[in-house]
Protein backbone atom coordinates (compact mmCIF):
# COMPACT_ATOMS: atom_id res chain seq x y z
CA MET A 1 62.48 159.62 77.55
CA LYS A 2 61.01 159.37 81.02
CA LYS A 3 59.83 155.78 80.25
CA LEU A 4 63.24 154.91 78.86
CA GLY A 5 64.89 156.39 81.95
CA LEU A 6 62.56 154.41 84.19
CA ASN A 7 63.38 151.19 82.31
CA VAL A 8 67.10 151.90 82.64
CA ALA A 9 66.66 152.54 86.35
CA LEU A 10 64.65 149.32 86.80
CA SER A 11 67.26 147.36 84.84
CA ALA A 12 70.00 148.81 87.00
CA ALA A 13 68.03 147.94 90.13
CA VAL A 14 67.47 144.36 88.93
CA ALA A 15 71.15 144.06 88.02
CA LEU A 16 72.13 145.39 91.43
CA THR A 17 69.77 142.97 93.14
CA LEU A 18 71.20 140.06 91.15
CA SER A 19 74.71 141.27 91.88
CA VAL A 20 74.04 141.40 95.60
CA SER A 21 72.39 138.00 95.45
CA VAL A 22 75.30 136.44 93.57
CA THR A 23 77.85 138.13 95.81
CA SER A 24 75.97 136.92 98.86
CA ALA A 25 75.82 133.37 97.49
CA MET A 26 79.52 133.45 96.63
CA ALA A 27 80.37 134.78 100.09
CA GLN A 28 78.61 131.92 101.82
CA ILE A 29 80.92 129.55 103.71
CA LYS A 30 80.33 125.97 102.60
CA VAL A 31 81.17 123.04 104.81
CA GLY A 32 81.17 119.60 103.19
CA VAL A 33 80.53 116.73 105.60
CA SER A 34 80.80 112.97 105.08
CA VAL A 35 79.71 110.77 108.00
CA SER A 36 79.00 107.06 108.45
CA ALA A 37 75.31 107.39 109.28
CA THR A 38 74.63 103.85 108.06
CA GLY A 39 76.67 100.64 108.08
CA PRO A 40 78.76 99.18 110.95
CA ALA A 41 79.77 102.64 112.28
CA ALA A 42 76.23 104.04 112.31
CA SER A 43 76.06 104.28 116.10
CA LEU A 44 78.93 106.77 115.85
CA GLY A 45 77.86 108.55 112.68
CA ILE A 46 74.21 109.24 113.52
CA PRO A 47 74.93 111.58 116.48
CA GLU A 48 77.58 113.28 114.35
CA LYS A 49 75.04 113.85 111.59
CA ASN A 50 72.48 115.11 114.11
CA THR A 51 74.97 117.59 115.54
CA PHE A 52 75.53 119.49 112.30
CA ALA A 53 71.91 120.64 112.52
CA LEU A 54 72.83 122.38 115.79
CA LEU A 55 75.85 124.31 114.52
CA PRO A 56 75.58 128.06 113.83
CA LYS A 57 74.24 129.09 110.41
CA GLU A 58 76.20 132.32 110.54
CA ILE A 59 79.79 133.00 111.68
CA ALA A 60 81.43 136.45 111.73
CA GLY A 61 78.61 137.85 109.58
CA GLN A 62 78.88 135.14 106.92
CA LYS A 63 76.19 132.58 106.17
CA VAL A 64 77.30 128.99 106.65
CA GLU A 65 75.90 126.06 104.70
CA TYR A 66 76.50 122.49 105.87
CA ILE A 67 76.20 119.84 103.15
CA VAL A 68 75.97 116.47 104.91
CA LEU A 69 76.41 113.17 103.04
CA ASP A 70 76.37 109.54 104.25
CA ASP A 71 79.30 107.29 103.28
CA ALA A 72 77.69 104.11 104.70
CA THR A 73 81.00 103.19 106.46
CA ASP A 74 82.49 102.53 103.02
CA THR A 75 85.84 103.98 101.96
CA THR A 76 84.94 104.16 98.27
CA THR A 77 81.80 106.15 99.04
CA ALA A 78 83.77 108.41 101.37
CA VAL A 79 86.13 109.30 98.52
CA LYS A 80 83.21 109.89 96.13
CA ASN A 81 81.57 112.15 98.68
CA ALA A 82 84.77 114.13 99.22
CA ARG A 83 85.31 114.61 95.47
CA LYS A 84 81.70 115.71 94.95
CA LEU A 85 81.91 118.18 97.82
CA VAL A 86 85.15 119.67 96.49
CA THR A 87 84.47 119.72 92.75
CA GLU A 88 80.70 120.25 92.53
CA ASP A 89 79.80 122.02 95.76
CA LYS A 90 83.16 123.81 96.00
CA VAL A 91 83.25 123.65 99.79
CA ASP A 92 85.68 125.68 101.90
CA LEU A 93 86.09 122.97 104.55
CA LEU A 94 85.73 119.18 104.61
CA VAL A 95 84.66 117.40 107.81
CA GLY A 96 84.81 113.62 108.14
CA SER A 97 84.66 110.89 108.20
CA THR A 98 83.55 108.87 111.20
CA THR A 99 86.10 106.07 110.88
CA THR A 100 89.85 106.02 110.39
CA PRO A 101 89.85 104.16 107.02
CA ASN A 102 87.29 106.56 105.54
CA SER A 103 89.13 109.60 106.90
CA LEU A 104 92.40 108.38 105.42
CA ALA A 105 90.65 108.02 102.06
CA MET A 106 89.24 111.56 102.27
CA SER A 107 92.60 113.05 103.25
CA ASP A 108 94.03 112.46 99.76
CA VAL A 109 91.22 114.52 98.23
CA ALA A 110 91.72 117.28 100.78
CA ALA A 111 95.44 117.54 100.10
CA GLU A 112 95.05 117.39 96.31
CA SER A 113 92.45 120.16 96.30
CA GLY A 114 94.01 122.35 98.98
CA THR A 115 90.95 122.07 101.21
CA PRO A 116 91.31 121.82 105.00
CA LEU A 117 89.86 118.63 106.48
CA ILE A 118 88.79 118.00 110.07
CA SER A 119 88.53 114.26 110.72
CA MET A 120 86.29 112.79 113.42
CA ALA A 121 88.32 109.56 113.66
CA ALA A 122 90.88 108.52 116.27
CA SER A 123 94.06 107.33 114.58
CA ALA A 124 97.15 109.47 115.12
CA SER A 125 98.35 108.41 111.67
CA LEU A 126 95.81 110.83 110.19
CA VAL A 127 97.77 113.83 111.45
CA GLU A 128 101.24 112.55 112.34
CA PRO A 129 103.75 113.49 111.18
CA VAL A 130 102.55 116.81 109.74
CA ASP A 131 104.00 116.42 106.24
CA ALA A 132 102.91 117.95 102.92
CA LYS A 133 99.63 115.97 102.84
CA ARG A 134 98.83 116.24 106.53
CA HIS A 135 99.44 119.99 106.27
CA TRP A 136 95.71 120.11 105.38
CA ILE A 137 94.43 117.56 107.92
CA PHE A 138 93.20 118.21 111.48
CA LYS A 139 91.32 116.05 113.96
CA SER A 140 88.69 116.71 116.63
CA PRO A 141 88.92 113.39 118.57
CA GLN A 142 91.79 112.42 120.82
CA ASN A 143 94.56 110.38 119.21
CA ASP A 144 94.77 106.65 119.87
CA SER A 145 98.19 107.40 121.38
CA HIS A 146 96.56 109.73 123.96
CA MET A 147 94.23 106.97 125.04
CA ALA A 148 96.67 104.04 124.78
CA SER A 149 99.00 105.63 127.31
CA ALA A 150 96.08 106.05 129.74
CA ILE A 151 95.08 102.38 129.40
CA VAL A 152 98.65 101.18 129.97
CA ALA A 153 98.99 103.37 133.06
CA HIS A 154 95.75 101.95 134.48
CA MET A 155 96.89 98.40 133.73
CA ALA A 156 100.25 98.96 135.40
CA ASP A 157 98.61 100.36 138.52
CA ALA A 158 96.26 97.35 138.60
CA GLY A 159 99.17 94.90 138.47
CA VAL A 160 98.53 93.66 134.93
CA LYS A 161 101.60 91.87 133.55
CA THR A 162 100.22 90.15 130.43
CA VAL A 163 97.64 91.30 127.86
CA GLY A 164 95.70 89.76 124.99
CA PHE A 165 94.91 92.17 122.14
CA ILE A 166 92.06 91.88 119.63
CA GLY A 167 91.31 94.75 117.25
CA PHE A 168 89.65 95.65 113.97
CA SER A 169 91.43 94.32 110.88
CA ASP A 170 91.78 97.83 109.46
CA ALA A 171 93.66 101.06 110.13
CA TYR A 172 91.85 101.58 113.45
CA GLY A 173 92.96 98.23 114.87
CA GLU A 174 96.47 98.50 113.45
CA GLY A 175 96.91 102.02 114.79
CA TRP A 176 95.78 100.97 118.24
CA TYR A 177 98.08 97.94 118.30
CA ARG A 178 101.05 100.09 117.27
CA GLU A 179 100.42 102.71 119.95
CA PHE A 180 99.45 100.26 122.69
CA ALA A 181 102.48 98.03 122.07
CA LYS A 182 104.78 101.05 122.32
CA PHE A 183 103.50 102.10 125.75
CA ALA A 184 103.13 98.50 127.02
CA ASP A 185 106.78 97.86 126.26
CA ILE A 186 107.79 100.92 128.28
CA ARG A 187 105.80 99.64 131.30
CA LYS A 188 107.05 96.03 130.85
CA ILE A 189 103.58 94.66 130.07
CA LYS A 190 103.81 91.67 127.71
CA ILE A 191 101.36 91.18 124.84
CA VAL A 192 100.77 87.42 124.76
CA ALA A 193 98.09 87.28 122.02
CA ASN A 194 97.34 89.50 119.01
CA GLU A 195 94.13 88.89 117.03
CA ARG A 196 91.97 90.76 114.48
CA PHE A 197 88.33 90.78 113.38
CA SER A 198 86.29 92.68 110.78
CA ARG A 199 83.60 95.20 111.64
CA PRO A 200 80.77 93.14 110.03
CA ASP A 201 81.88 89.78 111.58
CA THR A 202 79.26 87.78 113.46
CA SER A 203 81.66 85.41 115.25
CA VAL A 204 85.11 85.76 116.85
CA THR A 205 85.18 82.43 118.64
CA GLY A 206 88.42 81.30 117.01
CA GLN A 207 90.26 84.48 117.97
CA VAL A 208 88.93 84.42 121.53
CA LEU A 209 89.98 80.79 122.02
CA LYS A 210 93.53 81.71 121.01
CA ILE A 211 93.52 84.58 123.52
CA LEU A 212 92.19 82.33 126.29
CA SER A 213 94.90 79.77 125.61
CA ALA A 214 97.50 82.47 126.41
CA ASN A 215 95.78 83.15 129.79
CA PRO A 216 96.40 86.94 129.90
CA ASP A 217 95.77 89.08 132.99
CA ALA A 218 93.74 91.49 130.81
CA VAL A 219 92.34 91.84 127.29
CA LEU A 220 92.23 95.04 125.24
CA ILE A 221 89.54 95.20 122.54
CA ALA A 222 90.41 97.82 119.93
CA GLY A 223 87.08 98.26 118.17
CA ALA A 224 84.53 101.02 117.77
CA GLY A 225 80.77 101.21 118.11
CA THR A 226 78.54 98.22 118.64
CA PRO A 227 80.79 95.75 116.71
CA ALA A 228 83.28 96.04 119.60
CA ALA A 229 80.76 94.26 121.86
CA LEU A 230 81.19 90.95 120.02
CA PRO A 231 84.66 89.98 121.39
CA GLN A 232 83.62 91.03 124.89
CA LYS A 233 80.46 88.95 124.86
CA THR A 234 82.41 85.97 123.50
CA LEU A 235 85.07 86.30 126.20
CA LYS A 236 82.35 86.28 128.87
CA GLU A 237 80.58 83.31 127.27
CA ARG A 238 83.87 81.41 127.40
CA GLY A 239 84.35 82.19 131.06
CA TYR A 240 87.13 84.78 130.93
CA LYS A 241 87.63 86.29 134.42
CA GLY A 242 90.40 88.82 133.80
CA LYS A 243 90.11 92.58 133.27
CA ILE A 244 88.67 93.81 129.97
CA TYR A 245 89.55 97.17 128.45
CA GLN A 246 87.89 98.93 125.52
CA THR A 247 88.92 102.06 123.62
CA HIS A 248 87.12 105.40 123.47
CA GLY A 249 85.57 104.12 120.24
CA VAL A 250 82.76 102.50 122.26
CA ALA A 251 81.84 105.49 124.40
CA ASN A 252 78.14 105.68 123.64
CA ASN A 253 74.91 104.26 125.00
CA ASP A 254 74.34 102.02 121.97
CA PHE A 255 77.40 100.01 122.98
CA LEU A 256 76.05 99.61 126.52
CA ARG A 257 72.69 98.48 125.15
CA VAL A 258 74.20 95.85 122.84
CA CYS A 259 76.83 94.59 125.28
CA GLY A 260 74.46 94.47 128.25
CA LYS A 261 75.62 92.76 131.44
CA ASP A 262 78.73 91.43 129.70
CA CYS A 263 80.14 94.99 129.85
CA GLU A 264 80.02 95.25 133.64
CA GLY A 265 83.42 96.18 135.02
CA THR A 266 84.88 97.24 131.67
CA PHE A 267 87.51 99.99 131.78
CA LEU A 268 88.17 102.56 129.09
CA PRO A 269 89.59 106.05 128.58
CA ALA A 270 87.15 108.60 127.18
CA GLY A 271 86.67 112.27 126.56
CA PRO A 272 85.35 114.25 129.56
CA LEU A 273 82.04 114.74 127.71
CA LEU A 274 81.03 111.13 128.45
CA VAL A 275 80.75 111.87 132.18
CA ALA A 276 80.46 115.66 132.10
CA GLU A 277 77.89 115.82 134.89
CA GLN A 278 80.24 113.83 137.18
CA LEU A 279 83.20 116.16 136.66
CA PRO A 280 84.08 118.54 139.49
CA ASP A 281 83.16 122.16 138.80
CA SER A 282 86.89 122.99 138.78
CA ASN A 283 87.44 120.84 135.69
CA PRO A 284 88.27 123.25 132.81
CA VAL A 285 86.31 121.17 130.28
CA LYS A 286 83.09 120.79 132.24
CA LYS A 287 81.46 124.05 131.11
CA SER A 288 82.06 123.50 127.37
CA ALA A 289 81.09 119.82 127.63
CA MET A 290 77.85 120.64 129.42
CA ALA A 291 77.05 123.33 126.82
CA TYR A 292 77.10 120.74 124.02
CA ARG A 293 75.21 118.24 126.13
CA ALA A 294 72.45 120.78 126.81
CA ALA A 295 72.17 121.75 123.13
CA TYR A 296 71.99 118.13 121.93
CA GLU A 297 69.55 116.91 124.57
CA LYS A 298 67.27 119.92 123.99
CA ALA A 299 66.96 118.84 120.36
CA TYR A 300 67.02 115.05 120.68
CA GLY A 301 65.92 114.20 124.22
CA VAL A 302 67.38 113.67 127.69
CA GLY A 303 70.11 111.04 127.74
CA SER A 304 70.61 111.08 123.98
CA VAL A 305 74.01 112.83 123.94
CA SER A 306 77.01 110.93 122.57
CA THR A 307 80.74 111.60 122.68
CA PHE A 308 80.85 111.04 118.92
CA GLY A 309 78.43 113.86 118.32
CA GLY A 310 80.81 115.92 120.44
CA HIS A 311 83.50 115.43 117.81
CA ALA A 312 81.20 117.04 115.22
CA TRP A 313 80.38 119.87 117.64
CA ASP A 314 84.09 120.45 118.26
CA ALA A 315 84.78 120.58 114.52
CA GLY A 316 82.23 123.38 114.42
CA GLN A 317 84.03 125.17 117.26
CA LEU A 318 87.30 124.98 115.32
CA LEU A 319 85.59 126.47 112.26
CA ALA A 320 84.06 129.29 114.31
CA ALA A 321 87.39 130.13 115.94
CA ALA A 322 89.36 130.18 112.68
CA THR A 323 86.87 132.00 110.44
CA PRO A 324 87.22 135.66 111.56
CA ALA A 325 90.94 135.82 110.74
CA ALA A 326 90.47 133.84 107.51
CA LEU A 327 87.86 136.32 106.25
CA LYS A 328 90.50 139.07 106.40
CA LYS A 329 92.65 137.17 103.89
CA GLY A 330 90.12 135.86 101.39
CA LYS A 331 86.48 135.44 100.41
CA PRO A 332 84.66 132.14 100.91
CA GLY A 333 84.78 130.05 97.76
CA THR A 334 88.38 130.99 96.97
CA LYS A 335 91.65 129.13 97.44
CA GLU A 336 92.90 132.10 99.46
CA PHE A 337 90.10 131.62 101.98
CA ARG A 338 90.68 127.87 102.20
CA ALA A 339 94.38 128.42 102.85
CA ALA A 340 93.65 131.11 105.44
CA LEU A 341 91.09 128.87 107.12
CA ARG A 342 93.73 126.13 107.38
CA ASP A 343 96.19 128.61 108.85
CA GLY A 344 93.55 129.83 111.28
CA ILE A 345 92.79 126.34 112.57
CA GLU A 346 96.50 125.68 113.05
CA ALA A 347 96.80 128.90 115.09
CA ILE A 348 94.00 128.11 117.57
CA LYS A 349 95.06 128.46 121.23
CA ASN A 350 93.27 127.68 124.51
CA LEU A 351 89.92 126.92 122.89
CA PRO A 352 87.58 125.01 125.22
CA VAL A 353 85.55 122.36 123.36
CA SER A 354 83.42 119.46 124.53
CA HIS A 355 86.38 117.05 124.69
CA GLY A 356 89.21 119.24 125.98
CA ILE A 357 91.20 122.43 125.57
CA VAL A 358 92.65 122.89 122.07
CA ASN A 359 96.14 124.27 121.44
CA MET A 360 97.10 123.65 117.81
CA SER A 361 100.57 124.16 116.33
CA PRO A 362 102.41 123.45 113.05
CA THR A 363 103.43 120.05 114.48
CA ASP A 364 100.24 119.22 116.41
CA HIS A 365 96.97 119.12 114.45
CA VAL A 366 94.90 117.76 117.36
CA GLY A 367 95.94 120.14 120.11
CA TYR A 368 94.86 118.09 123.13
CA ASP A 369 96.67 117.45 126.42
CA GLN A 370 95.78 115.29 129.42
CA ARG A 371 92.68 117.41 130.09
CA SER A 372 91.05 115.66 127.12
CA ARG A 373 90.77 112.23 128.75
CA VAL A 374 89.39 110.52 131.85
CA MET A 375 89.19 106.88 132.91
CA VAL A 376 85.73 105.38 133.30
CA GLU A 377 84.24 102.01 134.28
CA VAL A 378 80.93 100.46 133.35
CA VAL A 379 78.98 100.05 136.61
CA GLY A 380 75.32 99.11 136.75
CA GLY A 381 74.98 99.60 133.00
CA LYS A 382 76.23 103.20 133.18
CA TRP A 383 79.51 105.09 132.76
CA LYS A 384 81.21 105.87 136.07
CA LEU A 385 84.05 108.40 136.33
CA LEU A 386 87.15 106.89 137.96
CA GLY A 387 89.22 110.06 137.72
CA ALA A 388 91.71 111.82 135.50
CA ALA A 389 93.67 109.50 133.23
CA LYS A 390 97.39 109.35 134.05
């Protein structure tokens, strides 16, 4: 009887151990990430991928697992990744992707499955207007509309009257043209040329010749990463002397390396993180921006930080801020927790992140104001802070 009792006790102990183990596994928060770590957007996606290794492995007493996949800057792969993460890994939160087209593709999966998604792409169309699908979608980068208004204000102050536009032939370029044209019209700046190119293109000579024939005061290049250097280098080769503007999609050192001396004098709006060390101590974003910079450079080397990695870091800050309240309404791995996590992100107020101060609402799933942008110029092969963007 004693042996039988011991066996029963051991069985109970084993069962309890298994139960605790299973409960612990089920309680783990899973974050499914799809980034463009290879392909044309790799210079943006690699620092994003690196950053997930720096995010906390435990939030509010719950273990957090980050499952990071590469979509190779391909929309089809981005969708496959999102479906795998939702159906097989049963994640509580999706993060991604790096580019606007891939993020748009992932957003359908997020809405269908009732899983909150934080995109790391720029287009306002990802989150505006907040309808039934976008109910589940949030964004950590600034909208193209935030940055377009800053560029137009800088152009107007510089006396620019006419502009040539060349952008990606995808949702990123189209979104930028739509937002830029809206603000340019308000400030009476005329768009005299409108061209497109693909991310993998190796020549844009035809498009640049059309822009030059219109003789604009300035040119806006709406590209991202190193591919955005191609139109700029071609403009310089053809002798263009006017002002050249880029978007915040090029705000990393890889772009400077590829563009070289042809980038001198380029203007662009960017998140404060890009020039965090140049910000005055009174800037409300400096402390949070420098915190990310210190964490990234400790892991990957001095000078390695990128604004795109900051978008991944900020997605992690949104998760950390929303999780405590969500845990009171559901357990990780359940639809109740996913819904509560979505609600928690939407309720975030006055959260300092590396790119700004976040104030979400039911009609604003980005939450940034003017504190999330500065104007910079490329001087001596480096980013120089010009001041707050108007």
